[in-house]
């Protein structure tokens, strides 16, 4: 019997994720002194990268979506 590649894909991805999590745990455990001493630099690097890749899609995306303002709405605006 032949299995399709999609039936093996999910268990393989789950196994690789578990190996990565266990490896990351042991790496963090062994190097905790370095990480704890330099965490502010990790945050300073992570914030701009997250803003570019996950936030607004780069510069120019701060104008709101669909023509609506990004601020809070008032009930008096209903007219």
PDB file of N, CA and C in Angstrom:
ATOM      1  N   UNK A   1       0.827  -1.178   0.000  1.00  0.00           N
ATOM      2  CA  UNK A   1       0.000   0.000   0.000  1.00  0.00           C
ATOM      3  C   UNK A   1       0.874   1.245   0.000  1.00  0.00           C
ATOM      4  N   UNK A   2       0.504   2.195  -0.804  1.00  0.00           N
ATOM      5  CA  UNK A   2       1.292   3.407  -0.937  1.00  0.00           C
ATOM      6  C   UNK A   2       0.574   4.572  -0.255  1.00  0.00           C
ATOM      7  N   UNK A   3       1.306   5.288   0.621  1.00  0.00           N
ATOM      8  CA  UNK A   3       0.723   6.453   1.285  1.00  0.00           C
ATOM      9  C   UNK A   3       1.061   7.709   0.510  1.00  0.00           C
ATOM     10  N   UNK A   4       0.133   8.646   0.548  1.00  0.00           N
ATOM     11  CA  UNK A   4       0.406   9.915  -0.124  1.00  0.00           C
ATOM     12  C   UNK A   4       1.311  10.769   0.758  1.00  0.00           C
ATOM     13  N   UNK A   5       1.960  11.742   0.148  1.00  0.00           N
ATOM     14  CA  UNK A   5       2.895  12.589   0.898  1.00  0.00           C
ATOM     15  C   UNK A   5       2.160  13.467   1.902  1.00  0.00           C
ATOM     16  N   UNK A   6       0.886  13.781   1.649  1.00  0.00           N
ATOM     17  CA  UNK A   6       0.147  14.626   2.584  1.00  0.00           C
ATOM     18  C   UNK A   6      -0.187  13.882   3.873  1.00  0.00           C
ATOM     19  N   UNK A   7      -0.324  12.561   3.821  1.00  0.00           N
ATOM     20  CA  UNK A   7      -0.632  11.818   5.044  1.00  0.00           C
ATOM     21  C   UNK A   7       0.584  11.700   5.953  1.00  0.00           C
ATOM     22  N   UNK A   8       1.783  11.808   5.395  1.00  0.00           N
ATOM     23  CA  UNK A   8       3.000  11.783   6.209  1.00  0.00           C
ATOM     24  C   UNK A   8       3.453  13.179   6.622  1.00  0.00           C
ATOM     25  N   UNK A   9       2.915  14.198   6.000  1.00  0.00           N
ATOM     26  CA  UNK A   9       3.358  15.569   6.235  1.00  0.00           C
ATOM     27  C   UNK A   9       3.084  16.062   7.639  1.00  0.00           C
ATOM     28  N   UNK A  10       1.894  15.835   8.154  1.00  0.00           N
ATOM     29  CA  UNK A  10       1.532  16.361   9.468  1.00  0.00           C
ATOM     30  C   UNK A  10       2.316  15.695  10.594  1.00  0.00           C
ATOM     31  N   UNK A  11       2.430  14.371  10.655  1.00  0.00           N
ATOM     32  CA  UNK A  11       3.231  13.767  11.722  1.00  0.00           C
ATOM     33  C   UNK A  11       4.712  14.165  11.649  1.00  0.00           C
ATOM     34  N   UNK A  12       5.229  14.305  10.450  1.00  0.00           N
ATOM     35  CA  UNK A  12       6.621  14.710  10.294  1.00  0.00           C
ATOM     36  C   UNK A  12       6.838  16.130  10.792  1.00  0.00           C
ATOM     37  N   UNK A  13       5.925  17.036  10.453  1.00  0.00           N
ATOM     38  CA  UNK A  13       6.024  18.413  10.934  1.00  0.00           C
ATOM     39  C   UNK A  13       5.891  18.476  12.450  1.00  0.00           C
ATOM     40  N   UNK A  14       5.007  17.682  13.005  1.00  0.00           N
ATOM     41  CA  UNK A  14       4.828  17.657  14.461  1.00  0.00           C
ATOM     42  C   UNK A  14       6.083  17.138  15.139  1.00  0.00           C
ATOM     43  N   UNK A  15       6.686  16.085  14.596  1.00  0.00           N
ATOM     44  CA  UNK A  15       7.911  15.533  15.179  1.00  0.00           C
ATOM     45  C   UNK A  15       9.059  16.542  15.097  1.00  0.00           C
ATOM     46  N   UNK A  16       9.198  17.230  13.971  1.00  0.00           N
ATOM     47  CA  UNK A  16      10.248  18.231  13.838  1.00  0.00           C
ATOM     48  C   UNK A  16      10.025  19.409  14.779  1.00  0.00           C
ATOM     49  N   UNK A  17       8.773  19.793  14.983  1.00  0.00           N
ATOM     50  CA  UNK A  17       8.466  20.858  15.925  1.00  0.00           C
ATOM     51  C   UNK A  17       8.838  20.455  17.348  1.00  0.00           C
ATOM     52  N   UNK A  18       8.533  19.231  17.726  1.00  0.00           N
ATOM     53  CA  UNK A  18       8.873  18.754  19.064  1.00  0.00           C
ATOM     54  C   UNK A  18      10.386  18.694  19.274  1.00  0.00           C
ATOM     55  N   UNK A  19      11.118  18.238  18.275  1.00  0.00           N
ATOM     56  CA  UNK A  19      12.583  18.194  18.373  1.00  0.00           C
ATOM     57  C   UNK A  19      13.137  19.608  18.511  1.00  0.00           C
ATOM     58  N   UNK A  20      12.575  20.569  17.750  1.00  0.00           N
ATOM     59  CA  UNK A  20      13.030  21.953  17.833  1.00  0.00           C
ATOM     60  C   UNK A  20      12.726  22.554  19.203  1.00  0.00           C
ATOM     61  N   UNK A  21      11.565  22.249  19.763  1.00  0.00           N
ATOM     62  CA  UNK A  21      11.207  22.763  21.087  1.00  0.00           C
ATOM     63  C   UNK A  21      12.120  22.206  22.178  1.00  0.00           C
ATOM     64  N   UNK A  22      12.385  20.909  22.141  1.00  0.00           N
ATOM     65  CA  UNK A  22      13.267  20.297  23.136  1.00  0.00           C
ATOM     66  C   UNK A  22      14.690  20.829  22.983  1.00  0.00           C
ATOM     67  N   UNK A  23      15.162  20.945  21.749  1.00  0.00           N
ATOM     68  CA  UNK A  23      16.492  21.493  21.509  1.00  0.00           C
ATOM     69  C   UNK A  23      16.600  22.942  21.956  1.00  0.00           C
ATOM     70  N   UNK A  24      15.573  23.727  21.682  1.00  0.00           N
ATOM     71  CA  UNK A  24      15.556  25.121  22.131  1.00  0.00           C
ATOM     72  C   UNK A  24      15.553  25.242  23.634  1.00  0.00           C
ATOM     73  N   UNK A  25      14.818  24.357  24.313  1.00  0.00           N
ATOM     74  CA  UNK A  25      14.787  24.365  25.774  1.00  0.00           C
ATOM     75  C   UNK A  25      16.178  24.101  26.346  1.00  0.00           C
ATOM     76  N   UNK A  26      16.851  23.076  25.856  1.00  0.00           N
ATOM     77  CA  UNK A  26      18.176  22.754  26.371  1.00  0.00           C
ATOM     78  C   UNK A  26      19.205  23.820  26.010  1.00  0.00           C
ATOM     79  N   UNK A  27      19.084  24.410  24.830  1.00  0.00           N
ATOM     80  CA  UNK A  27      19.989  25.488  24.447  1.00  0.00           C
ATOM     81  C   UNK A  27      19.795  26.708  25.345  1.00  0.00           C
ATOM     82  N   UNK A  28      18.543  27.053  25.613  1.00  0.00           N
ATOM     83  CA  UNK A  28      18.250  28.175  26.499  1.00  0.00           C
ATOM     84  C   UNK A  28      18.693  27.888  27.923  1.00  0.00           C
ATOM     85  N   UNK A  29      18.515  26.655  28.362  1.00  0.00           N
ATOM     86  CA  UNK A  29      18.905  26.273  29.722  1.00  0.00           C
ATOM     87  C   UNK A  29      20.413  26.369  29.923  1.00  0.00           C
ATOM     88  N   UNK A  30      21.172  25.962  28.938  1.00  0.00           N
ATOM     89  CA  UNK A  30      22.624  25.981  29.057  1.00  0.00           C
ATOM     90  C   UNK A  30      23.201  27.386  28.919  1.00  0.00           C
ATOM     91  N   UNK A  31      22.500  28.264  28.214  1.00  0.00           N
ATOM     92  CA  UNK A  31      23.026  29.598  27.943  1.00  0.00           C
ATOM     93  C   UNK A  31      22.178  30.685  28.588  1.00  0.00           C
ATOM     94  N   UNK A  32      21.480  30.365  29.678  1.00  0.00           N
ATOM     95  CA  UNK A  32      20.574  31.316  30.315  1.00  0.00           C
ATOM     96  C   UNK A  32      21.306  32.565  30.815  1.00  0.00           C
ATOM     97  N   UNK A  33      22.525  32.427  31.312  1.00  0.00           N
ATOM     98  CA  UNK A  33      23.261  33.594  31.804  1.00  0.00           C
ATOM     99  C   UNK A  33      23.520  34.600  30.689  1.00  0.00           C
ATOM    100  N   UNK A  34      23.810  34.123  29.511  1.00  0.00           N
ATOM    101  CA  UNK A  34      24.048  35.023  28.384  1.00  0.00           C
ATOM    102  C   UNK A  34      22.753  35.695  27.938  1.00  0.00           C
ATOM    103  N   UNK A  35      21.677  34.932  27.895  1.00  0.00           N
ATOM    104  CA  UNK A  35      20.391  35.464  27.451  1.00  0.00           C
ATOM    105  C   UNK A  35      19.851  36.475  28.465  1.00  0.00           C
ATOM    106  N   UNK A  36      19.934  36.141  29.747  1.00  0.00           N
ATOM    107  CA  UNK A  36      19.396  37.019  30.779  1.00  0.00           C
ATOM    108  C   UNK A  36      20.187  38.323  30.860  1.00  0.00           C
ATOM    109  N   UNK A  37      21.470  38.277  30.577  1.00  0.00           N
ATOM    110  CA  UNK A  37      22.276  39.479  30.632  1.00  0.00           C
ATOM    111  C   UNK A  37      22.112  40.386  29.437  1.00  0.00           C
ATOM    112  N   UNK A  38      21.618  39.863  28.326  1.00  0.00           N
ATOM    113  CA  UNK A  38      21.520  40.637  27.093  1.00  0.00           C
ATOM    114  C   UNK A  38      20.106  40.689  26.526  1.00  0.00           C
ATOM    115  N   UNK A  39      19.093  40.509  27.349  1.00  0.00           N
ATOM    116  CA  UNK A  39      17.723  40.441  26.838  1.00  0.00           C
ATOM    117  C   UNK A  39      17.268  41.757  26.229  1.00  0.00           C
ATOM    118  N   UNK A  40      17.768  42.872  26.718  1.00  0.00           N
ATOM    119  CA  UNK A  40      17.335  44.163  26.181  1.00  0.00           C
ATOM    120  C   UNK A  40      17.759  44.323  24.724  1.00  0.00           C
ATOM    121  N   UNK A  41      18.918  43.779  24.371  1.00  0.00           N
ATOM    122  CA  UNK A  41      19.366  43.858  22.984  1.00  0.00           C
ATOM    123  C   UNK A  41      18.508  42.986  22.080  1.00  0.00           C
ATOM    124  N   UNK A  42      18.036  41.869  22.602  1.00  0.00           N
ATOM    125  CA  UNK A  42      17.136  41.021  21.819  1.00  0.00           C
ATOM    126  C   UNK A  42      15.816  41.735  21.537  1.00  0.00           C
ATOM    127  N   UNK A  43      15.317  42.455  22.546  1.00  0.00           N
ATOM    128  CA  UNK A  43      14.077  43.205  22.357  1.00  0.00           C
ATOM    129  C   UNK A  43      14.265  44.357  21.377  1.00  0.00           C
ATOM    130  N   UNK A  44      15.394  45.039  21.483  1.00  0.00           N
ATOM    131  CA  UNK A  44      15.645  46.155  20.573  1.00  0.00           C
ATOM    132  C   UNK A  44      15.755  45.690  19.127  1.00  0.00           C
ATOM    133  N   UNK A  45      16.210  44.486  18.912  1.00  0.00           N
ATOM    134  CA  UNK A  45      16.293  43.933  17.566  1.00  0.00           C
ATOM    135  C   UNK A  45      14.951  43.364  17.127  1.00  0.00           C
ATOM    136  N   UNK A  46      14.222  42.761  18.042  1.00  0.00           N
ATOM    137  CA  UNK A  46      12.973  42.093  17.686  1.00  0.00           C
ATOM    138  C   UNK A  46      11.862  43.082  17.352  1.00  0.00           C
ATOM    139  N   UNK A  47      11.789  44.194  18.048  1.00  0.00           N
ATOM    140  CA  UNK A  47      10.690  45.133  17.824  1.00  0.00           C
ATOM    141  C   UNK A  47      10.657  45.689  16.399  1.00  0.00           C
ATOM    142  N   UNK A  48      11.768  46.193  15.860  1.00  0.00           N
ATOM    143  CA  UNK A  48      11.697  46.677  14.472  1.00  0.00           C
ATOM    144  C   UNK A  48      11.421  45.571  13.459  1.00  0.00           C
ATOM    145  N   UNK A  49      11.969  44.400  13.695  1.00  0.00           N
ATOM    146  CA  UNK A  49      11.724  43.304  12.755  1.00  0.00           C
ATOM    147  C   UNK A  49      10.264  42.868  12.780  1.00  0.00           C
ATOM    148  N   UNK A  50       9.671  42.797  13.963  1.00  0.00           N
ATOM    149  CA  UNK A  50       8.263  42.434  14.050  1.00  0.00           C
ATOM    150  C   UNK A  50       7.387  43.512  13.418  1.00  0.00           C
ATOM    151  N   UNK A  51       7.773  44.774  13.578  1.00  0.00           N
ATOM    152  CA  UNK A  51       6.999  45.848  12.981  1.00  0.00           C
ATOM    153  C   UNK A  51       7.037  45.758  11.452  1.00  0.00           C
ATOM    154  N   UNK A  52       8.195  45.453  10.907  1.00  0.00           N
ATOM    155  CA  UNK A  52       8.313  45.376   9.458  1.00  0.00           C
ATOM    156  C   UNK A  52       7.614  44.158   8.872  1.00  0.00           C
ATOM    157  N   UNK A  53       7.790  43.005   9.504  1.00  0.00           N
ATOM    158  CA  UNK A  53       7.286  41.770   8.906  1.00  0.00           C
ATOM    159  C   UNK A  53       5.874  41.402   9.346  1.00  0.00           C
ATOM    160  N   UNK A  54       5.449  41.806  10.544  1.00  0.00           N
ATOM    161  CA  UNK A  54       4.142  41.406  11.043  1.00  0.00           C
ATOM    162  C   UNK A  54       3.183  42.567  11.237  1.00  0.00           C
ATOM    163  N   UNK A  55       3.708  43.752  11.424  1.00  0.00           N
ATOM    164  CA  UNK A  55       2.885  44.893  11.794  1.00  0.00           C
ATOM    165  C   UNK A  55       2.076  45.459  10.658  1.00  0.00           C
ATOM    166  N   UNK A  56       2.582  46.532  10.063  1.00  0.00           N
ATOM    167  CA  UNK A  56       1.827  47.265   9.068  1.00  0.00           C
ATOM    168  C   UNK A  56       2.280  46.971   7.651  1.00  0.00           C
ATOM    169  N   UNK A  57       3.113  46.003   7.462  1.00  0.00           N
ATOM    170  CA  UNK A  57       3.577  45.680   6.120  1.00  0.00           C
ATOM    171  C   UNK A  57       4.613  46.647   5.600  1.00  0.00           C
ATOM    172  N   UNK A  58       5.390  47.206   6.464  1.00  0.00           N
ATOM    173  CA  UNK A  58       6.404  48.169   6.046  1.00  0.00           C
ATOM    174  C   UNK A  58       5.910  49.589   6.222  1.00  0.00           C
ATOM    175  N   UNK A  59       6.664  50.539   5.721  1.00  0.00           N
ATOM    176  CA  UNK A  59       6.299  51.937   5.882  1.00  0.00           C
ATOM    177  C   UNK A  59       5.174  52.300   4.931  1.00  0.00           C
ATOM    178  N   UNK A  60       4.362  53.237   5.363  1.00  0.00           N
ATOM    179  CA  UNK A  60       3.246  53.684   4.540  1.00  0.00           C
ATOM    180  C   UNK A  60       1.941  53.001   4.881  1.00  0.00           C
ATOM    181  N   UNK A  61       1.917  52.064   5.787  1.00  0.00           N
ATOM    182  CA  UNK A  61       0.691  51.367   6.142  1.00  0.00           C
ATOM    183  C   UNK A  61       0.036  51.888   7.398  1.00  0.00           C
ATOM    184  N   UNK A  62       0.362  53.118   7.812  1.00  0.00           N
ATOM    185  CA  UNK A  62      -0.164  53.635   9.079  1.00  0.00           C
ATOM    186  C   UNK A  62      -1.456  54.417   8.913  1.00  0.00           C
ATOM    187  N   UNK A  63      -2.010  54.477   7.723  1.00  0.00           N
ATOM    188  CA  UNK A  63      -3.160  55.336   7.486  1.00  0.00           C
ATOM    189  C   UNK A  63      -4.491  54.718   7.831  1.00  0.00           C
ATOM    190  N   UNK A  64      -4.568  53.543   8.338  1.00  0.00           N
ATOM    191  CA  UNK A  64      -5.843  52.907   8.644  1.00  0.00           C
ATOM    192  C   UNK A  64      -6.264  51.983   7.510  1.00  0.00           C
ATOM    193  N   UNK A  65      -7.333  51.272   7.716  1.00  0.00           N
ATOM    194  CA  UNK A  65      -7.790  50.281   6.740  1.00  0.00           C
ATOM    195  C   UNK A  65      -9.177  50.662   6.251  1.00  0.00           C
ATOM    196  N   UNK A  66      -9.376  50.588   4.968  1.00  0.00           N
ATOM    197  CA  UNK A  66     -10.693  50.808   4.393  1.00  0.00           C
ATOM    198  C   UNK A  66     -11.193  52.233   4.524  1.00  0.00           C
ATOM    199  N   UNK A  67     -10.312  53.207   4.681  1.00  0.00           N
ATOM    200  CA  UNK A  67     -10.719  54.592   4.781  1.00  0.00           C
ATOM    201  C   UNK A  67     -11.230  54.985   6.156  1.00  0.00           C
ATOM    202  N   UNK A  68     -11.231  54.094   7.105  1.00  0.00           N
ATOM    203  CA  UNK A  68     -11.682  54.424   8.447  1.00  0.00           C
ATOM    204  C   UNK A  68     -10.504  54.878   9.276  1.00  0.00           C
ATOM    205  N   UNK A  69     -10.777  55.753  10.224  1.00  0.00           N
ATOM    206  CA  UNK A  69      -9.701  56.207  11.097  1.00  0.00           C
ATOM    207  C   UNK A  69      -9.352  55.110  12.084  1.00  0.00           C
ATOM    208  N   UNK A  70      -8.110  55.121  12.544  1.00  0.00           N
ATOM    209  CA  UNK A  70      -7.646  54.094  13.465  1.00  0.00           C
ATOM    210  C   UNK A  70      -8.002  54.416  14.900  1.00  0.00           C
ATOM    211  N   UNK A  71      -8.500  55.619  15.170  1.00  0.00           N
ATOM    212  CA  UNK A  71      -8.806  56.025  16.538  1.00  0.00           C
ATOM    213  C   UNK A  71     -10.129  55.456  17.013  1.00  0.00           C
ATOM    214  N   UNK A  72     -10.470  55.695  18.282  1.00  0.00           N
ATOM    215  CA  UNK A  72     -11.732  55.186  18.831  1.00  0.00           C
ATOM    216  C   UNK A  72     -12.918  55.946  18.255  1.00  0.00           C
ATOM    217  N   UNK A  73     -14.041  55.260  18.158  1.00  0.00           N
ATOM    218  CA  UNK A  73     -15.259  55.864  17.618  1.00  0.00           C
ATOM    219  C   UNK A  73     -16.084  56.454  18.735  1.00  0.00           C
ATOM    220  N   UNK A  74     -16.732  57.565  18.440  1.00  0.00           N
ATOM    221  CA  UNK A  74     -17.669  58.187  19.371  1.00  0.00           C
ATOM    222  C   UNK A  74     -19.084  57.914  18.903  1.00  0.00           C
ATOM    223  N   UNK A  75     -20.020  57.889  19.812  1.00  0.00           N
ATOM    224  CA  UNK A  75     -21.417  57.714  19.425  1.00  0.00           C
ATOM    225  C   UNK A  75     -21.952  58.938  18.718  1.00  0.00           C
ATOM    226  N   UNK A  76     -21.334  60.106  18.944  1.00  0.00           N
ATOM    227  CA  UNK A  76     -21.801  61.342  18.303  1.00  0.00           C
ATOM    228  C   UNK A  76     -21.465  61.368  16.814  1.00  0.00           C
ATOM    229  N   UNK A  77     -20.584  60.455  16.328  1.00  0.00           N
ATOM    230  CA  UNK A  77     -20.209  60.419  14.924  1.00  0.00           C
ATOM    231  C   UNK A  77     -21.269  59.775  14.037  1.00  0.00           C
ATOM    232  N   UNK A  78     -22.279  59.156  14.619  1.00  0.00           N
ATOM    233  CA  UNK A  78     -23.277  58.431  13.828  1.00  0.00           C
ATOM    234  C   UNK A  78     -24.167  59.376  13.008  1.00  0.00           C
ATOM    235  N   UNK A  79     -24.411  60.578  13.476  1.00  0.00           N
ATOM    236  CA  UNK A  79     -25.128  61.586  12.737  1.00  0.00           C
ATOM    237  C   UNK A  79     -26.529  61.364  12.563  1.00  0.00           C
TER     238      UNK A  79
END
